[in-house]
Amino acid sequence: MKIALYIILGLASALLIFNFSKIDYAAPLDGNSSVAVISVLACLCAILLLVILLISRKIVEKKKRSL
Protein backbone atom coordinates (compact mmCIF):
# COMPACT_ATOMS: atom_id res chain seq x y z
CA MET A 1 0.00 0.00 0.00
CA LYS A 2 2.88 2.34 0.78
CA ILE A 3 4.40 1.88 -2.68
CA ALA A 4 1.01 2.46 -4.31
CA LEU A 5 0.64 5.75 -2.44
CA TYR A 6 4.01 6.95 -3.70
CA ILE A 7 3.13 5.89 -7.27
CA ILE A 8 -0.17 7.79 -7.11
CA LEU A 9 1.66 10.78 -5.63
CA GLY A 10 4.11 10.70 -8.53
CA LEU A 11 1.31 10.46 -11.09
CA ALA A 12 -0.52 13.38 -9.50
CA SER A 13 2.67 15.42 -9.60
CA ALA A 14 3.20 14.56 -13.27
CA LEU A 15 -0.38 15.57 -14.08
CA LEU A 16 0.13 18.80 -12.16
CA ILE A 17 3.17 19.71 -14.25
CA PHE A 18 1.40 18.72 -17.48
CA ASN A 19 -1.65 20.82 -16.68
CA PHE A 20 0.48 23.81 -15.70
CA SER A 21 1.93 23.68 -19.20
CA LYS A 22 -1.55 23.75 -20.75
CA ILE A 23 -2.68 26.94 -19.00
CA ASP A 24 -2.85 30.05 -21.18
CA TYR A 25 -1.73 32.70 -18.72
CA ALA A 26 -3.12 35.54 -20.85
CA ALA A 27 -6.66 34.14 -20.44
CA PRO A 28 -6.63 31.38 -17.81
CA LEU A 29 -10.39 30.91 -17.66
CA ASP A 30 -11.15 30.69 -21.39
CA GLY A 31 -11.59 27.47 -23.37
CA ASN A 32 -9.35 24.52 -22.62
CA SER A 33 -7.31 26.61 -20.24
CA SER A 34 -10.15 26.58 -17.73
CA VAL A 35 -10.08 22.77 -17.77
CA ALA A 36 -6.35 22.91 -17.07
CA VAL A 37 -6.89 25.29 -14.14
CA ILE A 38 -9.53 22.99 -12.66
CA SER A 39 -7.23 20.00 -13.19
CA VAL A 40 -4.37 21.80 -11.43
CA LEU A 41 -6.62 22.44 -8.43
CA ALA A 42 -7.76 18.81 -8.42
CA CYS A 43 -4.15 17.58 -8.55
CA LEU A 44 -3.19 19.87 -5.67
CA CYS A 45 -6.09 18.51 -3.61
CA ALA A 46 -5.09 14.93 -4.42
CA ILE A 47 -1.46 15.60 -3.45
CA LEU A 48 -2.55 17.23 -0.20
CA LEU A 49 -4.79 14.28 0.71
CA LEU A 50 -2.05 11.76 -0.09
CA VAL A 51 0.48 13.63 2.04
CA ILE A 52 -2.00 13.74 4.92
CA LEU A 53 -2.56 9.99 4.54
CA LEU A 54 1.18 9.28 4.53
CA ILE A 55 1.71 11.42 7.64
CA SER A 56 -1.18 9.77 9.48
CA ARG A 57 0.20 6.31 8.65
CA LYS A 58 3.59 7.33 10.07
CA ILE A 59 1.91 8.56 13.26
CA VAL A 60 0.02 5.28 13.67
CA GLU A 61 3.23 3.32 13.08
CA LYS A 62 5.12 5.32 15.73
CA LYS A 63 2.24 4.94 18.16
CA LYS A 64 2.24 1.16 17.71
CA ARG A 65 5.99 1.01 18.34
CA SER A 66 5.72 2.95 21.60
CA LEU A 67 3.18 0.51 23.04
PDB file of N, CA and C in Angstrom:
ATOM      1  N   MET A   1       0.829  -1.193   0.000  1.00  0.00           N
ATOM      2  CA  MET A   1       0.000   0.000   0.000  1.00  0.00           C
ATOM      3  C   MET A   1       0.873   1.256   0.000  1.00  0.00           C
ATOM      4  N   LYS A   2       2.004   1.182   0.700  1.00  0.00           N
ATOM      5  CA  LYS A   2       2.881   2.339   0.783  1.00  0.00           C
ATOM      6  C   LYS A   2       3.464   2.680  -0.581  1.00  0.00           C
ATOM      7  N   ILE A   3       3.841   1.652  -1.345  1.00  0.00           N
ATOM      8  CA  ILE A   3       4.397   1.883  -2.679  1.00  0.00           C
ATOM      9  C   ILE A   3       3.322   2.460  -3.599  1.00  0.00           C
ATOM     10  N   ALA A   4       2.111   1.967  -3.479  1.00  0.00           N
ATOM     11  CA  ALA A   4       1.014   2.464  -4.309  1.00  0.00           C
ATOM     12  C   ALA A   4       0.750   3.947  -4.037  1.00  0.00           C
ATOM     13  N   LEU A   5       0.849   4.345  -2.777  1.00  0.00           N
ATOM     14  CA  LEU A   5       0.638   5.754  -2.437  1.00  0.00           C
ATOM     15  C   LEU A   5       1.698   6.641  -3.085  1.00  0.00           C
ATOM     16  N   TYR A   6       2.950   6.175  -3.081  1.00  0.00           N
ATOM     17  CA  TYR A   6       4.013   6.954  -3.702  1.00  0.00           C
ATOM     18  C   TYR A   6       3.865   6.993  -5.226  1.00  0.00           C
ATOM     19  N   ILE A   7       3.366   5.908  -5.822  1.00  0.00           N
ATOM     20  CA  ILE A   7       3.126   5.894  -7.270  1.00  0.00           C
ATOM     21  C   ILE A   7       2.021   6.883  -7.622  1.00  0.00           C
ATOM     22  N   ILE A   8       0.938   6.861  -6.859  1.00  0.00           N
ATOM     23  CA  ILE A   8      -0.166   7.787  -7.106  1.00  0.00           C
ATOM     24  C   ILE A   8       0.281   9.228  -6.894  1.00  0.00           C
ATOM     25  N   LEU A   9       1.114   9.449  -5.884  1.00  0.00           N
ATOM     26  CA  LEU A   9       1.656  10.784  -5.630  1.00  0.00           C
ATOM     27  C   LEU A   9       2.509  11.253  -6.807  1.00  0.00           C
ATOM     28  N   GLY A  10       3.300  10.364  -7.365  1.00  0.00           N
ATOM     29  CA  GLY A  10       4.113  10.702  -8.532  1.00  0.00           C
ATOM     30  C   GLY A  10       3.260  11.000  -9.760  1.00  0.00           C
ATOM     31  N   LEU A  11       2.214  10.218  -9.964  1.00  0.00           N
ATOM     32  CA  LEU A  11       1.314  10.465 -11.091  1.00  0.00           C
ATOM     33  C   LEU A  11       0.582  11.799 -10.944  1.00  0.00           C
ATOM     34  N   ALA A  12       0.158  12.103  -9.740  1.00  0.00           N
ATOM     35  CA  ALA A  12      -0.516  13.378  -9.503  1.00  0.00           C
ATOM     36  C   ALA A  12       0.437  14.546  -9.742  1.00  0.00           C
ATOM     37  N   SER A  13       1.682  14.371  -9.358  1.00  0.00           N
ATOM     38  CA  SER A  13       2.674  15.423  -9.598  1.00  0.00           C
ATOM     39  C   SER A  13       2.934  15.600 -11.089  1.00  0.00           C
ATOM     40  N   ALA A  14       3.002  14.490 -11.817  1.00  0.00           N
ATOM     41  CA  ALA A  14       3.202  14.564 -13.271  1.00  0.00           C
ATOM     42  C   ALA A  14       2.019  15.255 -13.949  1.00  0.00           C
ATOM     43  N   LEU A  15       0.808  14.919 -13.528  1.00  0.00           N
ATOM     44  CA  LEU A  15      -0.377  15.572 -14.082  1.00  0.00           C
ATOM     45  C   LEU A  15      -0.408  17.056 -13.746  1.00  0.00           C
ATOM     46  N   LEU A  16       0.066  17.400 -12.569  1.00  0.00           N
ATOM     47  CA  LEU A  16       0.125  18.800 -12.164  1.00  0.00           C
ATOM     48  C   LEU A  16       1.047  19.582 -13.099  1.00  0.00           C
ATOM     49  N   ILE A  17       2.216  19.038 -13.349  1.00  0.00           N
ATOM     50  CA  ILE A  17       3.170  19.707 -14.245  1.00  0.00           C
ATOM     51  C   ILE A  17       2.605  19.796 -15.656  1.00  0.00           C
ATOM     52  N   PHE A  18       1.985  18.718 -16.135  1.00  0.00           N
ATOM     53  CA  PHE A  18       1.397  18.720 -17.475  1.00  0.00           C
ATOM     54  C   PHE A  18       0.313  19.778 -17.596  1.00  0.00           C
ATOM     55  N   ASN A  19      -0.552  19.851 -16.601  1.00  0.00           N
ATOM     56  CA  ASN A  19      -1.652  20.819 -16.678  1.00  0.00           C
ATOM     57  C   ASN A  19      -1.174  22.258 -16.525  1.00  0.00           C
ATOM     58  N   PHE A  20      -0.101  22.463 -15.765  1.00  0.00           N
ATOM     59  CA  PHE A  20       0.477  23.808 -15.696  1.00  0.00           C
ATOM     60  C   PHE A  20       0.961  24.261 -17.067  1.00  0.00           C
ATOM     61  N   SER A  21       1.446  23.321 -17.864  1.00  0.00           N
ATOM     62  CA  SER A  21       1.933  23.683 -19.198  1.00  0.00           C
ATOM     63  C   SER A  21       0.790  23.990 -20.162  1.00  0.00           C
ATOM     64  N   LYS A  22      -0.399  23.529 -19.873  1.00  0.00           N
ATOM     65  CA  LYS A  22      -1.552  23.748 -20.753  1.00  0.00           C
ATOM     66  C   LYS A  22      -2.321  25.039 -20.451  1.00  0.00           C
ATOM     67  N   ILE A  23      -1.976  25.716 -19.372  1.00  0.00           N
ATOM     68  CA  ILE A  23      -2.685  26.945 -19.003  1.00  0.00           C
ATOM     69  C   ILE A  23      -2.203  28.098 -19.871  1.00  0.00           C
ATOM     70  N   ASP A  24      -3.156  28.823 -20.451  1.00  0.00           N
ATOM     71  CA  ASP A  24      -2.845  30.050 -21.184  1.00  0.00           C
ATOM     72  C   ASP A  24      -2.931  31.188 -20.170  1.00  0.00           C
ATOM     73  N   TYR A  25      -1.772  31.730 -19.804  1.00  0.00           N
ATOM     74  CA  TYR A  25      -1.734  32.703 -18.715  1.00  0.00           C
ATOM     75  C   TYR A  25      -2.310  34.063 -19.109  1.00  0.00           C
ATOM     76  N   ALA A  26      -2.487  34.299 -20.399  1.00  0.00           N
ATOM     77  CA  ALA A  26      -3.124  35.540 -20.847  1.00  0.00           C
ATOM     78  C   ALA A  26      -4.630  35.498 -20.561  1.00  0.00           C
ATOM     79  N   ALA A  27      -5.228  34.313 -20.700  1.00  0.00           N
ATOM     80  CA  ALA A  27      -6.659  34.141 -20.438  1.00  0.00           C
ATOM     81  C   ALA A  27      -6.863  32.779 -19.768  1.00  0.00           C
ATOM     82  N   PRO A  28      -6.607  32.686 -18.471  1.00  0.00           N
ATOM     83  CA  PRO A  28      -6.629  31.377 -17.813  1.00  0.00           C
ATOM     84  C   PRO A  28      -8.013  30.739 -17.659  1.00  0.00           C
ATOM     85  N   LEU A  29      -9.056  31.486 -17.847  1.00  0.00           N
ATOM     86  CA  LEU A  29     -10.393  30.911 -17.665  1.00  0.00           C
ATOM     87  C   LEU A  29     -11.178  30.796 -18.964  1.00  0.00           C
ATOM     88  N   ASP A  30     -10.484  30.805 -20.099  1.00  0.00           N
ATOM     89  CA  ASP A  30     -11.147  30.688 -21.394  1.00  0.00           C
ATOM     90  C   ASP A  30     -10.793  29.360 -22.058  1.00  0.00           C
ATOM     91  N   GLY A  31     -11.800  28.683 -22.585  1.00  0.00           N
ATOM     92  CA  GLY A  31     -11.588  27.474 -23.373  1.00  0.00           C
ATOM     93  C   GLY A  31     -10.967  26.338 -22.586  1.00  0.00           C
ATOM     94  N   ASN A  32     -10.006  25.673 -23.233  1.00  0.00           N
ATOM     95  CA  ASN A  32      -9.347  24.519 -22.615  1.00  0.00           C
ATOM     96  C   ASN A  32      -8.481  24.908 -21.429  1.00  0.00           C
ATOM     97  N   SER A  33      -8.133  26.158 -21.355  1.00  0.00           N
ATOM     98  CA  SER A  33      -7.311  26.615 -20.242  1.00  0.00           C
ATOM     99  C   SER A  33      -8.068  26.518 -18.918  1.00  0.00           C
ATOM    100  N   SER A  34      -9.368  26.704 -18.961  1.00  0.00           N
ATOM    101  CA  SER A  34     -10.147  26.577 -17.727  1.00  0.00           C
ATOM    102  C   SER A  34     -10.150  25.135 -17.230  1.00  0.00           C
ATOM    103  N   VAL A  35     -10.156  24.184 -18.155  1.00  0.00           N
ATOM    104  CA  VAL A  35     -10.079  22.773 -17.772  1.00  0.00           C
ATOM    105  C   VAL A  35      -8.730  22.496 -17.117  1.00  0.00           C
ATOM    106  N   ALA A  36      -7.684  23.093 -17.638  1.00  0.00           N
ATOM    107  CA  ALA A  36      -6.350  22.913 -17.065  1.00  0.00           C
ATOM    108  C   ALA A  36      -6.273  23.512 -15.663  1.00  0.00           C
ATOM    109  N   VAL A  37      -6.899  24.664 -15.469  1.00  0.00           N
ATOM    110  CA  VAL A  37      -6.893  25.294 -14.139  1.00  0.00           C
ATOM    111  C   VAL A  37      -7.630  24.409 -13.138  1.00  0.00           C
ATOM    112  N   ILE A  38      -8.764  23.878 -13.535  1.00  0.00           N
ATOM    113  CA  ILE A  38      -9.526  22.985 -12.660  1.00  0.00           C
ATOM    114  C   ILE A  38      -8.731  21.718 -12.367  1.00  0.00           C
ATOM    115  N   SER A  39      -8.045  21.204 -13.377  1.00  0.00           N
ATOM    116  CA  SER A  39      -7.231  20.001 -13.185  1.00  0.00           C
ATOM    117  C   SER A  39      -6.055  20.261 -12.258  1.00  0.00           C
ATOM    118  N   VAL A  40      -5.467  21.436 -12.334  1.00  0.00           N
ATOM    119  CA  VAL A  40      -4.372  21.796 -11.426  1.00  0.00           C
ATOM    120  C   VAL A  40      -4.885  21.819  -9.997  1.00  0.00           C
ATOM    121  N   LEU A  41      -6.041  22.409  -9.786  1.00  0.00           N
ATOM    122  CA  LEU A  41      -6.618  22.445  -8.432  1.00  0.00           C
ATOM    123  C   LEU A  41      -6.941  21.042  -7.927  1.00  0.00           C
ATOM    124  N   ALA A  42      -7.454  20.191  -8.817  1.00  0.00           N
ATOM    125  CA  ALA A  42      -7.759  18.812  -8.424  1.00  0.00           C
ATOM    126  C   ALA A  42      -6.485  18.050  -8.072  1.00  0.00           C
ATOM    127  N   CYS A  43      -5.432  18.249  -8.841  1.00  0.00           N
ATOM    128  CA  CYS A  43      -4.148  17.585  -8.547  1.00  0.00           C
ATOM    129  C   CYS A  43      -3.572  18.067  -7.220  1.00  0.00           C
ATOM    130  N   LEU A  44      -3.683  19.350  -6.952  1.00  0.00           N
ATOM    131  CA  LEU A  44      -3.189  19.874  -5.670  1.00  0.00           C
ATOM    132  C   LEU A  44      -3.963  19.272  -4.498  1.00  0.00           C
ATOM    133  N   CYS A  45      -5.273  19.128  -4.666  1.00  0.00           N
ATOM    134  CA  CYS A  45      -6.091  18.509  -3.610  1.00  0.00           C
ATOM    135  C   CYS A  45      -5.695  17.051  -3.411  1.00  0.00           C
ATOM    136  N   ALA A  46      -5.483  16.330  -4.508  1.00  0.00           N
ATOM    137  CA  ALA A  46      -5.088  14.925  -4.416  1.00  0.00           C
ATOM    138  C   ALA A  46      -3.735  14.788  -3.724  1.00  0.00           C
ATOM    139  N   ILE A  47      -2.787  15.638  -4.077  1.00  0.00           N
ATOM    140  CA  ILE A  47      -1.465  15.595  -3.453  1.00  0.00           C
ATOM    141  C   ILE A  47      -1.568  15.889  -1.963  1.00  0.00           C
ATOM    142  N   LEU A  48      -2.360  16.880  -1.604  1.00  0.00           N
ATOM    143  CA  LEU A  48      -2.548  17.227  -0.197  1.00  0.00           C
ATOM    144  C   LEU A  48      -3.148  16.057   0.587  1.00  0.00           C
ATOM    145  N   LEU A  49      -4.161  15.413   0.027  1.00  0.00           N
ATOM    146  CA  LEU A  49      -4.791  14.279   0.706  1.00  0.00           C
ATOM    147  C   LEU A  49      -3.821  13.109   0.849  1.00  0.00           C
ATOM    148  N   LEU A  50      -3.018  12.854  -0.171  1.00  0.00           N
ATOM    149  CA  LEU A  50      -2.052  11.764  -0.091  1.00  0.00           C
ATOM    150  C   LEU A  50      -0.970  12.043   0.947  1.00  0.00           C
ATOM    151  N   VAL A  51      -0.530  13.275   1.032  1.00  0.00           N
ATOM    152  CA  VAL A  51       0.478  13.633   2.036  1.00  0.00           C
ATOM    153  C   VAL A  51      -0.102  13.491   3.436  1.00  0.00           C
ATOM    154  N   ILE A  52      -1.345  13.908   3.619  1.00  0.00           N
ATOM    155  CA  ILE A  52      -1.998  13.743   4.920  1.00  0.00           C
ATOM    156  C   ILE A  52      -2.109  12.260   5.272  1.00  0.00           C
ATOM    157  N   LEU A  53      -2.456  11.428   4.295  1.00  0.00           N
ATOM    158  CA  LEU A  53      -2.559   9.991   4.538  1.00  0.00           C
ATOM    159  C   LEU A  53      -1.208   9.388   4.905  1.00  0.00           C
ATOM    160  N   LEU A  54      -0.155   9.791   4.211  1.00  0.00           N
ATOM    161  CA  LEU A  54       1.178   9.282   4.530  1.00  0.00           C
ATOM    162  C   LEU A  54       1.614   9.699   5.935  1.00  0.00           C
ATOM    163  N   ILE A  55       1.347  10.941   6.302  1.00  0.00           N
ATOM    164  CA  ILE A  55       1.714  11.417   7.637  1.00  0.00           C
ATOM    165  C   ILE A  55       0.921  10.686   8.715  1.00  0.00           C
ATOM    166  N   SER A  56      -0.364  10.461   8.475  1.00  0.00           N
ATOM    167  CA  SER A  56      -1.178   9.767   9.475  1.00  0.00           C
ATOM    168  C   SER A  56      -0.735   8.316   9.639  1.00  0.00           C
ATOM    169  N   ARG A  57      -0.305   7.685   8.543  1.00  0.00           N
ATOM    170  CA  ARG A  57       0.201   6.313   8.654  1.00  0.00           C
ATOM    171  C   ARG A  57       1.497   6.268   9.458  1.00  0.00           C
ATOM    172  N   LYS A  58       2.351   7.280   9.291  1.00  0.00           N
ATOM    173  CA  LYS A  58       3.587   7.329  10.068  1.00  0.00           C
ATOM    174  C   LYS A  58       3.296   7.529  11.550  1.00  0.00           C
ATOM    175  N   ILE A  59       2.294   8.340  11.859  1.00  0.00           N
ATOM    176  CA  ILE A  59       1.912   8.565  13.256  1.00  0.00           C
ATOM    177  C   ILE A  59       1.394   7.275  13.880  1.00  0.00           C
ATOM    178  N   VAL A  60       0.555   6.542  13.155  1.00  0.00           N
ATOM    179  CA  VAL A  60       0.017   5.280  13.671  1.00  0.00           C
ATOM    180  C   VAL A  60       1.146   4.283  13.884  1.00  0.00           C
ATOM    181  N   GLU A  61       2.107   4.244  12.954  1.00  0.00           N
ATOM    182  CA  GLU A  61       3.233   3.318  13.084  1.00  0.00           C
ATOM    183  C   GLU A  61       4.073   3.646  14.319  1.00  0.00           C
ATOM    184  N   LYS A  62       4.345   4.928  14.554  1.00  0.00           N
ATOM    185  CA  LYS A  62       5.118   5.322  15.732  1.00  0.00           C
ATOM    186  C   LYS A  62       4.360   5.043  17.016  1.00  0.00           C
ATOM    187  N   LYS A  63       3.051   5.201  16.983  1.00  0.00           N
ATOM    188  CA  LYS A  63       2.237   4.942  18.164  1.00  0.00           C
ATOM    189  C   LYS A  63       2.232   3.446  18.500  1.00  0.00           C
ATOM    190  N   LYS A  64       2.203   2.597  17.477  1.00  0.00           N
ATOM    191  CA  LYS A  64       2.236   1.158  17.715  1.00  0.00           C
ATOM    192  C   LYS A  64       3.584   0.723  18.297  1.00  0.00           C
ATOM    193  N   ARG A  65       4.654   1.362  17.839  1.00  0.00           N
ATOM    194  CA  ARG A  65       5.987   1.009  18.341  1.00  0.00           C
ATOM    195  C   ARG A  65       6.159   1.386  19.811  1.00  0.00           C
ATOM    196  N   SER A  66       5.539   2.482  20.217  1.00  0.00           N
ATOM    197  CA  SER A  66       5.718   2.951  21.598  1.00  0.00           C
ATOM    198  C   SER A  66       4.929   2.102  22.594  1.00  0.00           C
ATOM    199  N   LEU A  67       3.973   1.350  22.112  1.00  0.00           N
ATOM    200  CA  LEU A  67       3.182   0.511  23.039  1.00  0.00           C
ATOM    201  C   LEU A  67       3.847  -0.762  23.325  1.00  0.00           C
TER     202      LEU A  67
END
